Protein backbone atom coordinates (compact mmCIF):
# COMPACT_ATOMS: atom_id res chain seq x y z
CA MET A 1 60.04 59.29 86.13
CA HIS A 2 63.41 58.57 88.70
CA LYS A 3 65.44 60.50 86.13
CA ILE A 4 63.06 63.75 86.10
CA SER A 5 63.47 63.75 89.74
CA SER A 6 67.42 63.72 90.31
CA LEU A 7 67.25 65.79 87.27
CA LYS A 8 65.64 68.33 89.04
CA LEU A 9 67.59 67.90 92.41
CA LEU A 10 70.99 68.60 90.17
CA MET A 11 68.93 71.88 88.54
CA VAL A 12 68.06 72.91 91.93
CA SER A 13 71.75 72.24 93.25
CA LEU A 14 73.24 73.98 90.67
CA LEU A 15 70.87 76.97 90.83
CA LEU A 16 71.61 77.18 94.39
CA VAL A 17 75.66 77.24 94.20
CA THR A 18 75.68 79.57 91.65
CA SER A 19 73.55 81.90 93.62
CA SER A 20 74.96 82.08 97.03
CA ALA A 21 78.64 82.14 94.82
CA ALA A 22 77.03 85.49 92.69
CA MET A 23 75.62 86.80 96.17
CA ALA A 24 79.41 86.24 97.92
CA GLY A 25 80.26 89.41 95.48
CA LYS A 26 80.41 92.68 97.71
CA GLU A 27 80.03 91.00 101.02
CA ALA A 28 83.03 89.55 100.63
CA PHE A 29 84.94 92.18 100.88
CA LYS A 30 86.07 93.71 104.59
CA ALA A 31 87.36 97.34 105.54
CA GLY A 32 91.90 96.73 106.31
CA THR A 33 93.50 96.21 109.25
CA VAL A 34 96.40 99.15 108.34
CA ILE A 35 94.82 102.20 106.24
CA LYS A 36 91.45 102.52 108.29
CA GLY A 37 88.44 103.01 106.41
CA TYR A 38 89.78 102.05 102.76
CA GLY A 39 91.38 99.89 99.79
CA GLU A 40 88.50 96.79 101.50
CA ILE A 41 89.98 93.43 100.77
CA ALA A 42 88.39 89.70 100.25
CA THR A 43 89.87 87.13 101.97
CA ILE A 44 91.30 84.46 99.20
CA ASP A 45 92.27 80.99 99.39
CA SER A 46 95.64 81.57 97.12
CA GLN A 47 98.07 79.71 95.40
CA LEU A 48 100.00 81.83 94.02
CA ALA A 49 101.97 81.53 97.18
CA LEU A 50 103.94 84.94 98.51
CA PRO A 51 107.35 84.15 98.81
CA LYS A 52 108.90 85.21 102.54
CA GLY A 53 110.98 88.30 102.85
CA MET A 54 109.66 89.21 99.20
CA GLN A 55 110.18 92.70 99.42
CA PHE A 56 107.44 94.66 97.53
CA ASN A 57 108.86 97.71 95.12
CA ILE A 58 105.92 98.88 93.62
CA ALA A 59 104.94 102.31 91.99
CA PHE A 60 101.36 103.23 90.74
CA ASP A 61 101.10 105.63 88.57
CA MET A 62 97.78 107.80 88.74
CA SER A 63 96.57 110.81 85.84
CA LYS A 64 92.81 111.08 86.02
CA ALA A 65 90.88 113.03 88.78
CA ALA A 66 88.60 111.55 91.35
CA LYS A 67 84.74 112.81 90.80
CA VAL A 68 84.52 115.91 93.26
CA GLY A 69 84.24 115.18 96.71
CA GLU A 70 85.30 111.29 95.93
CA VAL A 71 88.70 109.39 97.44
CA ASN A 72 90.60 108.80 93.58
CA ARG A 73 90.80 105.22 92.81
CA SER A 74 94.06 104.99 91.80
CA LEU A 75 94.64 106.01 96.33
CA ASN A 76 92.55 103.59 97.21
CA THR A 77 94.17 100.83 94.76
CA LEU A 78 97.65 101.43 97.39
CA ALA A 79 95.47 101.45 100.69
CA ARG A 80 93.74 97.85 98.97
CA PHE A 81 97.13 96.63 98.07
CA ILE A 82 99.17 97.28 101.40
CA ASN A 83 95.86 95.96 103.47
CA MET A 84 95.76 93.30 101.42
CA HIS A 85 99.23 91.88 101.45
CA GLU A 86 99.70 92.84 105.46
CA ALA A 87 96.31 90.72 105.91
CA ALA A 88 98.40 87.90 104.19
CA GLY A 89 101.54 87.83 106.04
CA VAL A 90 103.38 90.23 104.67
CA LYS A 91 105.52 92.77 106.89
CA SER A 92 105.49 96.53 106.60
CA LYS A 93 108.93 96.32 105.67
CA ASP A 94 108.16 94.56 103.15
CA ILE A 95 105.79 96.71 101.71
CA ASN A 96 107.54 100.09 99.33
CA LEU A 97 105.17 101.99 97.21
CA ALA A 98 105.37 104.83 95.28
CA MET A 99 102.60 106.62 93.41
CA VAL A 100 103.36 109.21 90.10
CA VAL A 101 100.52 111.90 90.16
CA HIS A 102 99.89 113.91 86.46
CA GLY A 103 97.60 115.69 84.72
CA SER A 104 94.70 117.21 86.05
CA ALA A 105 95.01 114.40 88.84
CA VAL A 106 97.53 116.34 90.53
CA GLY A 107 95.07 118.70 92.02
CA ASP A 108 93.83 115.65 94.16
CA LEU A 109 96.79 116.02 95.92
CA ALA A 110 96.69 119.55 96.23
CA ASP A 111 95.81 121.32 100.23
CA ASP A 112 91.61 122.59 100.38
CA GLY A 113 91.93 125.84 99.17
CA TYR A 114 93.70 125.18 96.03
CA TYR A 115 90.78 122.25 95.67
CA ARG A 116 88.04 124.44 96.16
CA GLN A 117 89.24 126.62 93.68
CA GLN A 118 90.10 124.39 90.85
CA HIS A 119 86.55 123.27 91.66
CA GLY A 120 84.49 126.21 91.90
CA LEU A 121 83.84 125.13 95.10
CA ALA A 122 83.41 127.41 98.78
CA ALA A 123 84.30 126.12 102.17
CA PRO A 124 83.99 123.96 104.07
CA ILE A 125 84.37 121.62 101.35
CA GLU A 126 87.20 119.88 101.54
CA ASN A 127 90.31 117.53 99.16
CA ALA A 128 87.69 114.21 100.00
CA ASN A 129 91.20 112.52 99.51
CA LYS A 130 93.20 114.25 102.10
CA ALA A 131 92.67 111.50 105.01
CA LEU A 132 93.60 109.16 102.71
CA VAL A 133 97.01 110.41 101.66
CA GLN A 134 97.94 111.06 105.80
CA GLN A 135 97.26 107.67 105.67
CA LEU A 136 99.40 106.54 102.77
CA THR A 137 102.59 109.10 102.98
CA GLU A 138 102.72 108.22 106.94
CA TYR A 139 102.93 104.59 106.28
CA GLY A 140 105.75 105.70 104.06
CA VAL A 141 104.35 105.65 100.33
CA LYS A 142 105.97 107.95 98.17
CA VAL A 143 103.83 110.46 96.42
CA TYR A 144 105.27 112.73 93.87
CA ILE A 145 103.54 115.29 91.81
CA CYS A 146 104.32 116.33 88.23
CA GLY A 147 106.39 119.07 87.84
CA GLN A 148 104.76 119.92 84.27
CA SER A 149 101.70 119.18 85.35
CA ALA A 150 101.06 120.90 88.37
CA ALA A 151 102.92 124.00 86.50
CA TYR A 152 100.16 123.33 84.33
CA TYR A 153 97.69 123.42 86.29
CA ASN A 154 99.09 126.28 88.18
CA LEU A 155 99.40 124.00 91.60
CA SER A 156 103.25 125.38 93.67
CA ASN A 157 105.32 122.90 96.40
CA GLN A 158 102.96 125.17 99.00
CA ALA A 159 99.61 123.44 98.53
CA LEU A 160 100.70 120.46 98.41
CA LEU A 161 99.63 117.88 100.80
CA PRO A 162 101.83 117.41 103.40
CA GLY A 163 103.82 114.26 102.57
CA VAL A 164 103.53 114.80 98.82
CA GLU A 165 107.11 115.97 97.17
CA MET A 166 106.86 117.54 93.93
CA ALA A 167 108.78 115.92 91.17
CA LEU A 168 110.25 117.92 87.66
CA SER A 169 108.36 115.56 85.76
CA ALA A 170 106.27 112.34 85.91
CA MET A 171 108.73 110.03 83.44
CA THR A 172 111.47 111.72 85.47
CA ALA A 173 109.91 110.52 88.41
CA HIS A 174 109.08 107.09 86.81
CA ALA A 175 112.74 106.79 85.59
CA ILE A 176 114.49 106.82 89.40
CA LEU A 177 112.24 104.64 90.99
CA ALA A 178 112.71 102.18 87.91
CA GLU A 179 116.28 102.58 88.85
CA GLN A 180 115.45 102.07 92.34
CA GLY A 181 114.29 99.00 91.46
CA TYR A 182 110.43 99.87 91.62
CA SER A 183 108.11 97.86 89.42
CA LEU A 184 105.69 99.61 87.15
CA ASN A 185 101.91 98.02 87.91
CA PRO A 186 100.20 97.89 85.38
CA PHE A 187 96.87 99.31 86.82
C-alpha cells in the first residue's frame, strides 16, 4: 500500500511540474524595451555565452506579404532580435541588421496610398507596418527593396516608407551585404 501512495504522489508531482511548464508558454513573453510594442521576448537562462563586444551583422530576407492590416512577421523578427539581444546586454552599436524585401512583401514597405491601392482598400486604412518600420530604421536597421520586385508590382521609390531604400535587386542587396560582413539569417 505504501508503494501505491508513493507512486500516486510521484504521478501527481510530475503532472503539476508538466502543467506549470506547459502554462509558461505565451505568458513568458514580454514586451521589449527598445523597439516598443513589437518583438516580445522571454528571459532565457542561456548556456551559449554571448561574447563581449561581438558584432552582430545580420541580413534577413522577407518575401511574403502579411495579411492585410497585420504586421509582417519578418519585420517583427527584427524587433525581437534587437529587444532580446539588448536585454541580454549587447550594446546597440554592436547590432547591425538589414532586411532585404522582395516578392509580394514589397507592398508592406510602401506608403498608405500604395498600400490601400494594392489591397483595394479605402481611407483611413493605413499600412500596419509603418510604425514598426519607423522604429527599426530609427534604430539603424537597413531596409532594402528588390528593384525587380518593385518594378513587377509597380512600386516607385517615392511610395516607399521613410528610411526604406531601393536596390537593383534582392540578389544584389544580399551580395553587397555579404561583402560587407553580414551573415544571412536562415529564418
